[in-house]
Amino acid sequence: MKPSGNRRSPLQFAPLRMAGQSVNDEMDDVTYDGLLSPLLLALFTIVLAGLEWWRYATNSKPSPWTFTIAAALVTVYAVVRCVRTFKRLRNLKLGRDGERAVAQYLEWFRTAEFFVLHDVPNDDANIDHVLIGPRGIFTIETKTVSKPARGECKIRIENQHVLVNGHVMDRDPLRQAKAQARWLSNFLAQAQFKAYVQPVVVFPGWFVEPFDMKAAGVWVLEPKALDKFIEREPERYSREDVKAMASALSSYVRSKANL
C-alpha cells in the first residue's frame, strides 16, 4: 500500500502473489466489465426512457431546474459515498495485505510438522490463521496498523488494553484473540480432542514492548518473533493427534465453504 498523507504501511515488503490471484483479478475485471457496466448503462437508459414516456403521457414541458437540483443532490451523495468507500478500500487492502504477508511467513511452519489454516470461520467472524502442531495449537489474529511517517512505532500493553503509540485501539484485540482461542478449543472438544489453544495477536512491522504475557493470557508479537516463542513450548501432541485435529478443522472449513 502506498503511503497516504503522514501514514505509511507497516509492511516492509508487499506480500507475494497468491495462487490463482491472476484468475481472481480477471474475475473482478470481468464482473465489472461484463456485468456491472452494461447493467448500469441499461438502467440509465431505462430511466431516461421512463421520463420521456412520462412527459409524453402527461404532455409535460421540460423541467431542467428540477432535474438539475436532483442531479446536484445525487452528485453530492455520490461524492460522499465514494470518499468513504475509498477510505474503507484502503483499510481493507492494508488488512488483506497484512494477512497475506503473515500467511506467507507461517508457511515455513509446515516444515516443522505444523498444519497451517487461514481464514477459519467461527460464528459471525473468522480466525485469520491457525497453527496445529506437536508444540501446540495457536490462533493468530493479524492487526495491520498503518505507521506514522516518522517517530516511534510501538505497541504497549497496559491494564489489558493495547496501546498503539499511546492510543487505545478501538476494538480490543486481546478479547478478540481469547474468544477465537476459546471457540477453537470448544470445537476440538466437540470433536473429542482435549487441547489448550494459545491465542496470539501479531502486529506486522511494529515493535511490541515486553509485558507479562502469561498474566494477560495472550501473546502479542511481531510475526517474526512467533517461531522463537513456539520453540520454547514442549511437545504436547503426537503426529497422529495433530493430523486428526487438523483434519477435523479442515473438514469444518470445507463444509462452510460449500454452504
Protein backbone atom coordinates (compact mmCIF):
# COMPACT_ATOMS: atom_id res chain seq x y z
CA MET A 1 0.00 0.00 0.00
CA LYS A 2 1.35 3.41 -0.91
CA PRO A 3 1.76 5.98 1.85
CA SER A 4 -1.24 8.21 2.41
CA GLY A 5 -0.65 11.63 3.99
CA ASN A 6 1.54 11.22 7.07
CA ARG A 7 0.83 7.49 7.37
CA ARG A 8 2.62 4.51 5.86
CA SER A 9 2.17 0.78 5.63
CA PRO A 10 3.83 -1.30 8.39
CA LEU A 11 4.77 -3.95 5.80
CA GLN A 12 8.38 -3.73 4.69
CA PHE A 13 7.66 -5.75 1.56
CA ALA A 14 4.45 -6.36 -0.34
CA PRO A 15 3.14 -9.93 0.06
CA LEU A 16 3.87 -12.39 -2.69
CA ARG A 17 1.09 -13.14 -5.11
CA MET A 18 -1.34 -15.85 -4.05
CA ALA A 19 -2.17 -18.96 -6.05
CA GLY A 20 -4.91 -18.12 -8.54
CA GLN A 21 -4.56 -14.37 -7.94
CA SER A 22 -4.39 -13.61 -11.67
CA VAL A 23 -7.61 -15.52 -12.19
CA ASN A 24 -9.19 -13.70 -9.24
CA ASP A 25 -8.15 -10.32 -10.65
CA GLU A 26 -9.50 -11.29 -14.05
CA MET A 27 -12.79 -12.37 -12.44
CA ASP A 28 -13.10 -8.92 -10.82
CA ASP A 29 -12.45 -7.22 -14.16
CA VAL A 30 -14.91 -9.48 -15.96
CA THR A 31 -17.53 -8.85 -13.27
CA TYR A 32 -17.26 -5.09 -13.72
CA ASP A 33 -16.87 -5.01 -17.50
CA GLY A 34 -19.28 -7.83 -18.28
CA LEU A 35 -21.96 -7.33 -15.63
CA LEU A 36 -21.94 -4.05 -13.70
CA SER A 37 -21.07 -1.76 -16.59
CA PRO A 38 -23.78 -2.97 -19.03
CA LEU A 39 -26.37 -3.24 -16.25
CA LEU A 40 -25.75 0.35 -15.14
CA LEU A 41 -25.90 1.52 -18.74
CA ALA A 42 -29.18 -0.34 -19.27
CA LEU A 43 -30.61 1.11 -16.05
CA PHE A 44 -29.63 4.64 -17.11
CA THR A 45 -31.33 4.29 -20.49
CA ILE A 46 -34.44 2.76 -18.89
CA VAL A 47 -34.72 5.75 -16.55
CA LEU A 48 -34.37 8.17 -19.47
CA ALA A 49 -36.97 6.27 -21.47
CA GLY A 50 -39.30 6.25 -18.48
CA LEU A 51 -39.00 10.01 -18.08
CA GLU A 52 -39.73 10.58 -21.77
CA TRP A 53 -42.80 8.32 -21.61
CA TRP A 54 -43.98 10.18 -18.51
CA ARG A 55 -43.63 13.53 -20.34
CA TYR A 56 -45.39 12.06 -23.39
CA ALA A 57 -48.29 10.68 -21.31
CA THR A 58 -48.78 13.87 -19.29
CA ASN A 59 -47.92 16.29 -22.10
CA SER A 60 -45.46 17.94 -19.73
CA LYS A 61 -42.91 20.56 -20.70
CA PRO A 62 -39.19 20.01 -19.99
CA SER A 63 -38.22 20.88 -16.40
CA PRO A 64 -34.43 21.39 -16.37
CA TRP A 65 -34.33 23.02 -12.92
CA THR A 66 -35.98 20.05 -11.25
CA PHE A 67 -33.59 17.60 -12.81
CA THR A 68 -30.59 19.89 -12.18
CA ILE A 69 -31.38 20.09 -8.46
CA ALA A 70 -31.91 16.33 -8.35
CA ALA A 71 -28.61 15.77 -10.19
CA ALA A 72 -26.77 18.08 -7.77
CA LEU A 73 -28.14 16.25 -4.73
CA VAL A 74 -27.32 12.85 -6.20
CA THR A 75 -23.81 14.05 -7.11
CA VAL A 76 -23.13 15.25 -3.55
CA TYR A 77 -24.38 11.93 -2.20
CA ALA A 78 -22.20 10.02 -4.69
CA VAL A 79 -19.09 12.04 -3.79
CA VAL A 80 -19.58 11.45 -0.06
CA ARG A 81 -20.13 7.73 -0.63
CA CYS A 82 -17.09 7.50 -2.91
CA VAL A 83 -14.81 9.21 -0.39
CA ARG A 84 -15.97 6.87 2.38
CA THR A 85 -15.66 3.87 0.09
CA PHE A 86 -12.12 4.75 -0.99
CA LYS A 87 -11.10 5.11 2.66
CA ARG A 88 -12.64 1.75 3.51
CA LEU A 89 -11.00 0.14 0.49
CA ARG A 90 -7.59 1.46 1.63
CA ASN A 91 -8.14 -0.02 5.08
CA LEU A 92 -9.35 -3.31 3.65
CA LYS A 93 -6.36 -3.51 1.31
CA LEU A 94 -3.98 -2.84 4.20
CA GLY A 95 -5.66 -5.55 6.29
CA ARG A 96 -5.70 -8.01 3.38
CA ASP A 97 -2.02 -7.44 2.58
CA GLY A 98 -1.14 -7.86 6.26
CA GLU A 99 -2.96 -11.18 6.48
CA ARG A 100 -1.32 -12.37 3.26
CA ALA A 101 2.16 -11.38 4.47
CA VAL A 102 1.65 -13.19 7.77
CA ALA A 103 0.18 -16.23 5.98
CA GLN A 104 3.23 -16.46 3.73
CA TYR A 105 5.54 -16.23 6.75
CA LEU A 106 3.61 -19.00 8.50
CA GLU A 107 4.08 -21.37 5.57
CA TRP A 108 7.51 -22.41 6.79
CA PHE A 109 5.91 -23.90 9.94
CA ARG A 110 4.78 -26.75 7.69
CA THR A 111 8.41 -27.91 7.69
CA ALA A 112 8.13 -28.23 11.49
CA GLU A 113 5.17 -30.64 11.13
CA PHE A 114 2.55 -27.95 11.66
CA PHE A 115 -0.70 -27.73 9.78
CA VAL A 116 -1.48 -24.15 8.72
CA LEU A 117 -5.02 -22.97 8.03
CA HIS A 118 -6.21 -19.48 7.12
CA ASP A 119 -9.47 -17.56 7.38
CA VAL A 120 -11.25 -20.13 9.55
CA PRO A 121 -14.93 -19.15 10.05
CA ASN A 122 -16.20 -19.09 13.62
CA ASP A 123 -19.76 -18.00 14.25
CA ASP A 124 -20.10 -14.50 12.73
CA ALA A 125 -16.36 -13.81 12.45
CA ASN A 126 -13.22 -15.60 11.33
CA ILE A 127 -9.83 -16.63 12.68
CA ASP A 128 -7.10 -15.20 10.49
CA HIS A 129 -4.68 -18.11 10.95
CA VAL A 130 -4.48 -21.38 12.87
CA LEU A 131 -1.38 -23.44 13.60
CA ILE A 132 -1.77 -27.04 14.75
CA GLY A 133 1.43 -28.91 15.54
CA PRO A 134 3.33 -31.03 18.05
CA ARG A 135 4.20 -27.97 20.16
CA GLY A 136 0.67 -26.70 20.44
CA ILE A 137 -2.34 -25.11 18.81
CA PHE A 138 -2.36 -21.39 18.11
CA THR A 139 -4.98 -18.97 16.84
CA ILE A 140 -3.41 -15.89 15.28
CA GLU A 141 -5.16 -12.56 14.84
CA THR A 142 -3.37 -10.17 12.47
CA LYS A 143 -3.63 -6.45 13.16
CA THR A 144 -2.16 -4.40 10.33
CA VAL A 145 -1.97 -0.83 11.56
CA SER A 146 -0.57 1.98 9.41
CA LYS A 147 2.52 3.62 10.85
CA PRO A 148 3.34 7.32 11.19
CA ALA A 149 5.72 8.65 8.56
CA ARG A 150 8.20 9.50 11.35
CA GLY A 151 8.65 8.83 15.02
CA GLU A 152 8.23 5.77 17.21
CA CYS A 153 6.11 2.77 16.24
CA LYS A 154 5.46 0.89 19.47
CA ILE A 155 2.77 -1.40 20.79
CA ARG A 156 2.33 -1.35 24.55
CA ILE A 157 0.01 -3.40 26.76
CA GLU A 158 -1.37 -1.67 29.84
CA ASN A 159 -4.20 -2.91 32.07
CA GLN A 160 -5.34 -5.43 29.45
CA HIS A 161 -5.53 -2.70 26.79
CA VAL A 162 -3.46 -2.46 23.62
CA LEU A 163 -1.96 0.97 23.02
CA VAL A 164 -0.68 1.91 19.57
CA ASN A 165 1.80 4.76 20.08
CA GLY A 166 -0.08 5.60 23.26
CA HIS A 167 -3.60 5.40 21.80
CA VAL A 168 -6.01 2.66 22.85
CA MET A 169 -7.29 0.62 19.91
CA ASP A 170 -10.99 0.98 19.11
CA ARG A 171 -11.52 -2.79 19.14
CA ASP A 172 -9.93 -4.88 21.87
CA PRO A 173 -7.68 -7.42 20.09
CA LEU A 174 -6.88 -9.24 23.34
CA ARG A 175 -10.53 -10.06 23.98
CA GLN A 176 -10.99 -10.94 20.32
CA ALA A 177 -8.00 -13.32 20.35
CA LYS A 178 -9.17 -15.02 23.55
CA ALA A 179 -12.65 -15.51 22.09
CA GLN A 180 -11.15 -17.11 18.97
CA ALA A 181 -8.99 -19.48 21.01
CA ARG A 182 -11.97 -20.38 23.21
CA TRP A 183 -14.09 -21.14 20.15
CA LEU A 184 -11.42 -23.42 18.66
CA SER A 185 -10.92 -25.17 21.99
CA ASN A 186 -14.66 -25.84 22.21
CA PHE A 187 -14.73 -27.04 18.61
CA LEU A 188 -11.92 -29.52 19.24
CA ALA A 189 -13.63 -30.68 22.46
CA GLN A 190 -16.78 -31.46 20.46
CA ALA A 191 -14.56 -33.45 18.10
CA GLN A 192 -13.29 -35.44 21.11
CA PHE A 193 -9.94 -33.64 21.39
CA LYS A 194 -8.96 -32.09 24.71
CA ALA A 195 -6.46 -29.37 23.83
CA TYR A 196 -5.32 -25.96 25.03
CA VAL A 197 -5.35 -23.26 22.37
CA GLN A 198 -2.93 -20.35 22.73
CA PRO A 199 -4.32 -17.01 21.47
CA VAL A 200 -1.85 -14.80 19.60
CA VAL A 201 -2.08 -11.26 18.23
CA VAL A 202 0.55 -10.14 15.73
CA PHE A 203 1.33 -6.60 14.60
CA PRO A 204 3.39 -6.69 11.38
CA GLY A 205 6.14 -4.08 11.32
CA TRP A 206 5.61 -2.81 14.87
CA PHE A 207 7.82 -3.11 17.94
CA VAL A 208 5.97 -4.74 20.84
CA GLU A 209 7.22 -3.71 24.27
CA PRO A 210 7.78 -6.67 26.63
CA PHE A 211 4.97 -7.38 29.10
CA ASP A 212 3.64 -10.23 31.22
CA MET A 213 2.02 -12.37 28.52
CA LYS A 214 1.28 -15.18 30.94
CA ALA A 215 -0.83 -12.87 33.10
CA ALA A 216 -2.52 -11.39 30.02
CA GLY A 217 -3.27 -14.86 28.63
CA VAL A 218 -2.37 -13.71 25.11
CA TRP A 219 0.84 -13.50 23.15
CA VAL A 220 1.26 -10.13 21.43
CA LEU A 221 4.15 -10.21 18.98
CA GLU A 222 5.73 -9.02 15.80
CA PRO A 223 5.17 -12.01 13.44
CA LYS A 224 8.87 -12.85 13.06
CA ALA A 225 9.13 -13.46 16.83
CA LEU A 226 6.49 -16.20 16.73
CA ASP A 227 8.86 -19.06 15.90
CA LYS A 228 11.07 -18.29 18.92
CA PHE A 229 8.07 -18.41 21.25
CA ILE A 230 6.82 -21.68 19.78
CA GLU A 231 10.28 -23.25 20.02
CA ARG A 232 10.12 -22.78 23.81
CA GLU A 233 6.93 -24.80 24.03
CA PRO A 234 7.22 -28.51 24.89
CA GLU A 235 5.90 -31.14 22.54
CA ARG A 236 2.33 -31.87 23.58
CA TYR A 237 0.75 -33.90 20.79
CA SER A 238 1.68 -36.90 18.73
CA ARG A 239 1.83 -36.73 14.96
CA GLU A 240 -1.39 -38.76 14.78
CA ASP A 241 -3.24 -36.36 17.12
CA VAL A 242 -2.02 -33.35 15.15
CA LYS A 243 -3.18 -34.86 11.89
CA ALA A 244 -6.57 -35.83 13.34
CA MET A 245 -7.23 -32.37 14.80
CA ALA A 246 -6.16 -30.64 11.60
CA SER A 247 -8.35 -32.97 9.57
CA ALA A 248 -11.39 -32.21 11.74
CA LEU A 249 -10.88 -28.44 11.40
CA SER A 250 -10.20 -28.68 7.66
CA SER A 251 -13.42 -30.63 7.15
CA TYR A 252 -15.33 -27.95 9.06
CA VAL A 253 -13.82 -25.17 6.93
CA ARG A 254 -14.69 -27.01 3.72
CA SER A 255 -18.25 -27.57 4.89
CA LYS A 256 -18.66 -23.84 5.50
CA ALA A 257 -17.25 -23.04 2.06
CA ASN A 258 -19.89 -25.24 0.45
CA LEU A 259 -22.84 -23.55 2.17
